[in-house]
Amino acid sequence: MKEHIKLYTGSSIEVNRLASILEEQKITFIVKNPHESGRLAGFGTSGESVELFVLNSDIEKAQSVISDY
């Protein structure tokens, strides 16, 4: 089973930019946006935080990419 680790939490703009950088480096990621998921499901959530997850095996490379940003 693949395990994902939370790498970053921030605004959707920040997370989308970081996701774009990870994608350029061929690093697999998942973006979790509870506010958008709730909106699509028909209920709301508080807060605007979006989370960025990467595979456990990619965490060191991803942290390096993020710190360079």
Protein backbone atom coordinates (compact mmCIF):
# COMPACT_ATOMS: atom_id res chain seq x y z
CA MET A 1 0.00 0.00 0.00
CA LYS A 2 1.28 3.45 -0.87
CA GLU A 3 1.51 5.86 2.03
CA HIS A 4 1.16 9.59 1.60
CA ILE A 5 2.60 12.19 3.97
CA LYS A 6 1.37 15.74 4.38
CA LEU A 7 4.06 18.00 2.96
CA TYR A 8 2.42 21.42 3.08
CA THR A 9 -0.75 23.22 4.18
CA GLY A 10 -1.68 26.65 2.88
CA SER A 11 -3.90 28.59 0.53
CA SER A 12 -5.11 26.99 -2.69
CA ILE A 13 -2.91 29.38 -4.68
CA GLU A 14 0.24 28.33 -2.79
CA VAL A 15 -0.60 24.63 -2.94
CA ASN A 16 -1.41 24.75 -6.67
CA ARG A 17 1.92 26.45 -7.39
CA LEU A 18 3.84 23.89 -5.34
CA ALA A 19 1.90 21.06 -7.01
CA SER A 20 2.93 22.46 -10.39
CA ILE A 21 6.58 22.45 -9.33
CA LEU A 22 6.30 18.87 -8.04
CA GLU A 23 4.66 17.81 -11.29
CA GLU A 24 7.58 19.28 -13.27
CA GLN A 25 9.91 17.13 -11.14
CA LYS A 26 7.77 14.01 -11.76
CA ILE A 27 6.86 13.72 -8.06
CA THR A 28 3.47 12.12 -7.39
CA PHE A 29 1.20 14.20 -5.13
CA ILE A 30 -2.37 14.55 -3.89
CA VAL A 31 -4.10 17.86 -3.19
CA LYS A 32 -6.80 17.69 -0.52
CA ASN A 33 -9.20 20.64 -0.48
CA PRO A 34 -11.93 20.04 2.13
CA HIS A 35 -13.65 23.34 1.34
CA GLU A 36 -14.08 22.48 -2.35
CA SER A 37 -15.09 18.89 -1.56
CA GLY A 38 -17.74 20.15 0.84
CA ARG A 39 -19.03 22.66 -1.68
CA LEU A 40 -19.37 19.98 -4.33
CA ALA A 41 -21.15 17.68 -1.88
CA GLY A 42 -23.61 20.41 -0.91
CA PHE A 43 -22.36 21.40 2.52
CA GLY A 44 -19.81 23.89 3.75
CA THR A 45 -16.66 23.71 5.81
CA SER A 46 -14.85 26.33 7.80
CA GLY A 47 -11.39 27.43 6.82
CA GLU A 48 -9.65 27.76 3.51
CA SER A 49 -6.62 25.50 4.10
CA VAL A 50 -5.59 23.11 1.35
CA GLU A 51 -3.21 20.21 1.99
CA LEU A 52 -0.50 18.79 -0.26
CA PHE A 53 0.53 15.15 0.20
CA VAL A 54 3.38 13.18 -1.40
CA LEU A 55 4.36 9.53 -1.32
CA ASN A 56 6.50 8.49 1.62
CA SER A 57 9.21 7.40 -0.84
CA ASP A 58 9.32 10.90 -2.41
CA ILE A 59 9.31 12.99 0.78
CA GLU A 60 13.02 13.92 0.80
CA LYS A 61 13.07 14.96 -2.86
CA ALA A 62 9.79 16.88 -2.44
CA GLN A 63 11.02 18.71 0.66
CA SER A 64 14.14 19.73 -1.24
CA VAL A 65 12.06 21.06 -4.13
CA ILE A 66 9.75 22.95 -1.75
CA SER A 67 12.63 24.48 0.22
CA ASP A 68 14.24 25.68 -3.04
CA TYR A 69 10.99 27.40 -3.94
